[in-house]
């Protein structure tokens, strides 16, 4: 089962209230609040206030978008967890280190694995899952490396937070998504051109691709959010247009 959402990092320049208003206008179901601007780690009072305001608008807070890098330089994870709990989020999104799989030494990889194992165990004690974002420049930059991490950590509460890879074919993305199904957390939704992040296109232009992705992701048990991440020109108007396309698309999934 799918629900629709928005990452607050899509609109870093907007206030919390404006992000909530934009998500509500787009008829989305929830917001993933980010740790970099709107909800810094450790501010549990702010997290509780954001949760109340979000829920008062009829929206949920399914995940906390942290930029915890899961290595020795990342510092204390506890403030991130405490913030997620105060927010009511059941998933914390993290990045697997700060080196790509081809550049990372075996020692660095072990460091990331040990950190991940530690935070997954701590978070599980609070009923929170850890979701590894598929992202370049980290140890989830390839399918084999991402699944190696899952195996090395060896804990069921470590999940994969999937998104299409830049400049990858639909077939390759589908192969990665199919492999991720047993571990699938939420998804990031966007449609980019060959220029990647700076080449943002209307989501409607990618509806055929996303129809394939969502039909496949629907095979995974449980509920997950499709979170919009970034829009053309960082524009709320673009989000409203993209949300119409996603809602239309989901009619073909049900």
Protein backbone atom coordinates (compact mmCIF):
# COMPACT_ATOMS: atom_id res chain seq x y z
CA UNK A 1 0.00 0.00 0.00
CA UNK A 2 1.30 3.43 -0.95
CA UNK A 3 0.88 6.82 0.61
CA UNK A 4 2.23 10.07 -0.79
CA UNK A 5 4.65 12.45 0.85
CA UNK A 6 7.13 15.27 0.59
CA UNK A 7 10.68 15.68 1.86
CA UNK A 8 11.00 19.02 3.61
CA UNK A 9 14.44 19.47 2.02
CA UNK A 10 12.57 20.06 -1.25
CA UNK A 11 11.76 23.50 0.13
CA UNK A 12 14.63 24.43 2.41
CA UNK A 13 13.82 28.15 2.11
CA UNK A 14 10.22 27.74 3.24
CA UNK A 15 9.09 27.81 6.86
CA UNK A 16 7.69 24.74 8.57
CA UNK A 17 4.18 26.13 8.25
CA UNK A 18 4.63 26.84 4.55
CA UNK A 19 5.97 23.34 3.89
CA UNK A 20 2.94 21.91 5.67
CA UNK A 21 0.60 24.17 3.72
CA UNK A 22 2.19 23.18 0.41
CA UNK A 23 1.96 19.46 1.19
CA UNK A 24 -1.66 19.83 2.21
CA UNK A 25 -2.52 21.81 -0.94
CA UNK A 26 -0.93 19.03 -2.99
CA UNK A 27 -3.17 16.48 -1.21
CA UNK A 28 -0.18 14.53 0.09
CA UNK A 29 -0.33 12.26 3.12
CA UNK A 30 2.86 13.05 4.98
CA UNK A 31 6.16 14.91 5.31
CA UNK A 32 9.65 13.61 5.91
CA UNK A 33 11.24 16.37 7.98
CA UNK A 34 14.94 16.94 7.33
CA UNK A 35 17.65 17.35 9.94
CA UNK A 36 19.64 19.95 8.01
CA UNK A 37 17.25 22.94 8.10
CA UNK A 38 13.77 22.44 9.52
CA UNK A 39 14.46 20.02 12.37
CA UNK A 40 18.03 19.84 13.71
CA UNK A 41 18.90 16.72 15.71
CA UNK A 42 18.47 17.04 19.45
CA UNK A 43 15.70 19.66 19.43
CA UNK A 44 12.95 17.39 20.71
CA UNK A 45 10.77 20.33 21.72
CA UNK A 46 10.75 21.56 18.13
CA UNK A 47 10.11 18.01 16.92
CA UNK A 48 7.05 17.75 19.13
CA UNK A 49 5.79 21.13 17.92
CA UNK A 50 6.30 20.16 14.26
CA UNK A 51 4.53 16.87 14.86
CA UNK A 52 1.52 18.64 16.37
CA UNK A 53 1.33 21.16 13.53
CA UNK A 54 1.76 18.47 10.87
CA UNK A 55 -0.88 16.22 12.37
CA UNK A 56 -3.27 19.15 12.88
CA UNK A 57 -3.14 19.61 9.10
CA UNK A 58 -4.13 15.97 8.62
CA UNK A 59 -0.61 14.86 7.65
CA UNK A 60 1.77 12.32 9.17
CA UNK A 61 5.50 12.25 9.91
CA UNK A 62 6.57 8.81 8.65
CA UNK A 63 10.30 9.40 8.54
CA UNK A 64 13.11 11.66 9.69
CA UNK A 65 15.52 12.61 6.91
CA UNK A 66 18.85 12.69 8.68
CA UNK A 67 22.24 13.17 7.12
CA UNK A 68 23.95 10.94 9.61
CA UNK A 69 26.84 9.38 7.69
CA UNK A 70 27.32 6.26 9.78
CA UNK A 71 31.06 6.57 10.34
CA UNK A 72 33.44 7.68 13.07
CA UNK A 73 33.16 11.34 12.06
CA UNK A 74 29.38 11.39 12.42
CA UNK A 75 29.28 11.90 16.17
CA UNK A 76 26.52 10.82 18.52
CA UNK A 77 23.48 9.19 16.94
CA UNK A 78 21.29 9.54 20.03
CA UNK A 79 20.11 13.12 19.26
CA UNK A 80 18.85 11.93 15.87
CA UNK A 81 16.97 9.05 17.45
CA UNK A 82 15.47 11.19 20.21
CA UNK A 83 14.30 13.68 17.60
CA UNK A 84 12.74 10.97 15.43
CA UNK A 85 10.89 9.54 18.42
CA UNK A 86 9.57 12.98 19.39
CA UNK A 87 8.49 13.50 15.79
CA UNK A 88 6.68 10.17 15.73
CA UNK A 89 8.75 8.92 12.79
CA UNK A 90 9.15 5.17 12.39
CA UNK A 91 12.14 5.40 10.01
CA UNK A 92 15.37 7.40 10.10
CA UNK A 93 16.95 7.88 6.69
CA UNK A 94 20.78 7.76 6.77
CA UNK A 95 23.70 7.77 4.34
CA UNK A 96 26.20 4.90 4.24
CA UNK A 97 29.43 6.79 4.80
CA UNK A 98 31.09 9.52 2.77
CA UNK A 99 33.04 7.41 0.25
CA UNK A 100 31.83 5.48 -2.75
CA UNK A 101 32.24 1.73 -2.79
CA UNK A 102 35.16 1.85 -5.23
CA UNK A 103 37.10 4.36 -3.10
CA UNK A 104 36.35 3.05 0.38
CA UNK A 105 39.05 0.99 2.07
CA UNK A 106 38.15 -2.24 3.79
CA UNK A 107 38.88 -0.53 7.13
CA UNK A 108 36.47 2.28 6.33
CA UNK A 109 33.80 -0.15 5.25
CA UNK A 110 34.14 -2.03 8.55
CA UNK A 111 33.77 1.30 10.36
CA UNK A 112 30.51 2.02 8.56
CA UNK A 113 29.23 -1.51 9.18
CA UNK A 114 30.02 -1.31 12.89
CA UNK A 115 28.35 2.10 13.19
CA UNK A 116 25.30 0.90 11.30
CA UNK A 117 24.97 -2.20 13.46
CA UNK A 118 25.15 -0.05 16.56
CA UNK A 119 22.56 2.52 15.48
CA UNK A 120 20.18 -0.14 14.12
CA UNK A 121 20.23 -1.90 17.49
CA UNK A 122 19.74 1.34 19.42
CA UNK A 123 16.91 2.50 17.15
CA UNK A 124 15.17 -0.88 17.28
CA UNK A 125 14.93 -0.47 21.03
CA UNK A 126 12.71 2.55 20.37
CA UNK A 127 10.69 0.87 17.62
CA UNK A 128 12.47 2.83 14.85
CA UNK A 129 13.94 1.41 11.64
CA UNK A 130 17.04 2.64 9.81
CA UNK A 131 16.70 3.25 6.08
CA UNK A 132 19.83 3.39 3.91
CA UNK A 133 19.32 5.84 1.08
CA UNK A 134 20.50 4.73 -2.36
CA UNK A 135 22.97 7.53 -3.09
CA UNK A 136 26.11 8.16 -5.09
CA UNK A 137 29.32 8.77 -3.19
CA UNK A 138 28.29 6.36 -0.43
CA UNK A 139 28.45 2.61 0.10
CA UNK A 140 25.01 2.19 -1.48
CA UNK A 141 26.23 3.51 -4.84
CA UNK A 142 25.89 0.06 -6.39
CA UNK A 143 23.41 -2.74 -5.87
CA UNK A 144 26.13 -5.20 -4.86
CA UNK A 145 27.63 -2.84 -2.29
CA UNK A 146 24.24 -1.96 -0.80
CA UNK A 147 23.30 -5.62 -0.38
CA UNK A 148 26.75 -6.44 0.95
CA UNK A 149 26.11 -3.87 3.68
CA UNK A 150 22.81 -5.51 4.55
CA UNK A 151 24.57 -8.85 4.85
CA UNK A 152 27.50 -7.46 6.84
CA UNK A 153 25.26 -5.68 9.34
CA UNK A 154 22.99 -8.72 9.50
CA UNK A 155 20.03 -7.11 11.26
CA UNK A 156 16.42 -7.17 9.99
CA UNK A 157 15.70 -3.59 11.10
CA UNK A 158 18.11 -2.19 8.49
CA UNK A 159 16.15 -1.27 5.37
CA UNK A 160 16.75 0.27 1.93
CA UNK A 161 15.33 3.68 1.01
CA UNK A 162 15.13 3.35 -2.75
CA UNK A 163 15.30 5.91 -5.54
CA UNK A 164 16.20 5.69 -9.24
CA UNK A 165 19.86 6.13 -10.04
CA UNK A 166 21.03 9.00 -12.23
CA UNK A 167 21.69 8.07 -15.85
CA UNK A 168 20.54 4.50 -15.30
CA UNK A 169 18.14 2.64 -17.56
CA UNK A 170 14.62 1.76 -16.46
CA UNK A 171 15.58 -1.90 -16.76
CA UNK A 172 18.57 -1.47 -14.44
CA UNK A 173 16.48 0.50 -11.95
CA UNK A 174 13.84 -2.22 -11.98
CA UNK A 175 16.47 -4.88 -11.36
CA UNK A 176 17.76 -2.94 -8.35
CA UNK A 177 14.27 -2.31 -7.04
CA UNK A 178 13.32 -5.98 -7.38
CA UNK A 179 16.39 -6.98 -5.36
CA UNK A 180 15.48 -4.37 -2.73
CA UNK A 181 11.86 -5.52 -2.26
CA UNK A 182 12.49 -7.68 0.84
CA UNK A 183 14.16 -4.71 2.56
CA UNK A 184 12.15 -1.85 1.09
CA UNK A 185 11.46 1.20 3.22
CA UNK A 186 10.11 4.35 1.56
CA UNK A 187 10.87 5.74 -1.91
CA UNK A 188 12.07 9.11 -3.20
CA UNK A 189 10.18 10.26 -6.27
CA UNK A 190 11.53 12.57 -8.97
CA UNK A 191 12.17 12.64 -12.70
CA UNK A 192 15.53 13.97 -13.85
CA UNK A 193 17.19 14.25 -17.22
CA UNK A 194 20.79 13.39 -18.19
CA UNK A 195 22.08 16.28 -16.07
CA UNK A 196 20.77 14.67 -12.91
CA UNK A 197 19.94 16.85 -9.91
CA UNK A 198 20.27 20.06 -11.92
CA UNK A 199 18.17 18.70 -14.80
CA UNK A 200 14.79 18.41 -13.10
CA UNK A 201 11.86 17.56 -15.35
CA UNK A 202 8.08 17.41 -14.79
CA UNK A 203 7.15 14.22 -12.98
CA UNK A 204 4.46 13.69 -15.62
CA UNK A 205 7.23 13.18 -18.19
CA UNK A 206 8.40 10.16 -16.23
CA UNK A 207 5.00 8.58 -15.58
CA UNK A 208 5.70 5.57 -17.80
CA UNK A 209 8.90 4.81 -15.90
CA UNK A 210 7.26 5.31 -12.54
CA UNK A 211 4.31 3.11 -13.47
CA UNK A 212 6.80 0.24 -13.81
CA UNK A 213 8.55 1.17 -10.55
CA UNK A 214 5.39 1.41 -8.50
CA UNK A 215 3.82 -1.74 -9.88
CA UNK A 216 6.94 -3.57 -8.83
CA UNK A 217 7.24 -1.85 -5.43
CA UNK A 218 3.59 -2.69 -4.75
CA UNK A 219 4.65 -6.33 -4.51
CA UNK A 220 6.50 -5.60 -1.25
CA UNK A 221 4.32 -6.17 1.82
CA UNK A 222 3.35 -3.34 4.12
CA UNK A 223 2.80 0.38 3.74
CA UNK A 224 5.34 2.84 2.36
CA UNK A 225 5.48 6.46 1.31
CA UNK A 226 6.43 7.85 -2.06
CA UNK A 227 8.15 11.08 -1.04
CA UNK A 228 8.69 13.81 -3.60
CA UNK A 229 12.28 15.07 -3.45
CA UNK A 230 13.07 18.36 -5.21
CA UNK A 231 11.08 20.18 -7.87
CA UNK A 232 11.76 22.33 -10.90
CA UNK A 233 13.03 25.69 -9.70
CA UNK A 234 12.40 24.66 -6.06
CA UNK A 235 8.85 25.78 -6.81
CA UNK A 236 5.74 24.85 -4.81
CA UNK A 237 3.78 25.28 -8.06
CA UNK A 238 5.90 22.56 -9.63
CA UNK A 239 5.11 20.27 -6.70
CA UNK A 240 1.39 20.79 -7.19
CA UNK A 241 1.74 19.79 -10.84
CA UNK A 242 3.89 16.79 -9.97
CA UNK A 243 1.43 15.68 -7.29
CA UNK A 244 -1.42 15.66 -9.82
CA UNK A 245 0.66 13.35 -12.03
CA UNK A 246 1.46 11.03 -9.11
CA UNK A 247 -2.17 10.84 -7.98
CA UNK A 248 -3.22 9.99 -11.54
CA UNK A 249 -0.50 7.37 -11.72
CA UNK A 250 -1.55 5.72 -8.49
CA UNK A 251 -5.02 5.14 -9.89
CA UNK A 252 -3.34 2.64 -12.23
CA UNK A 253 -1.63 0.87 -9.32
CA UNK A 254 -4.67 0.20 -7.14
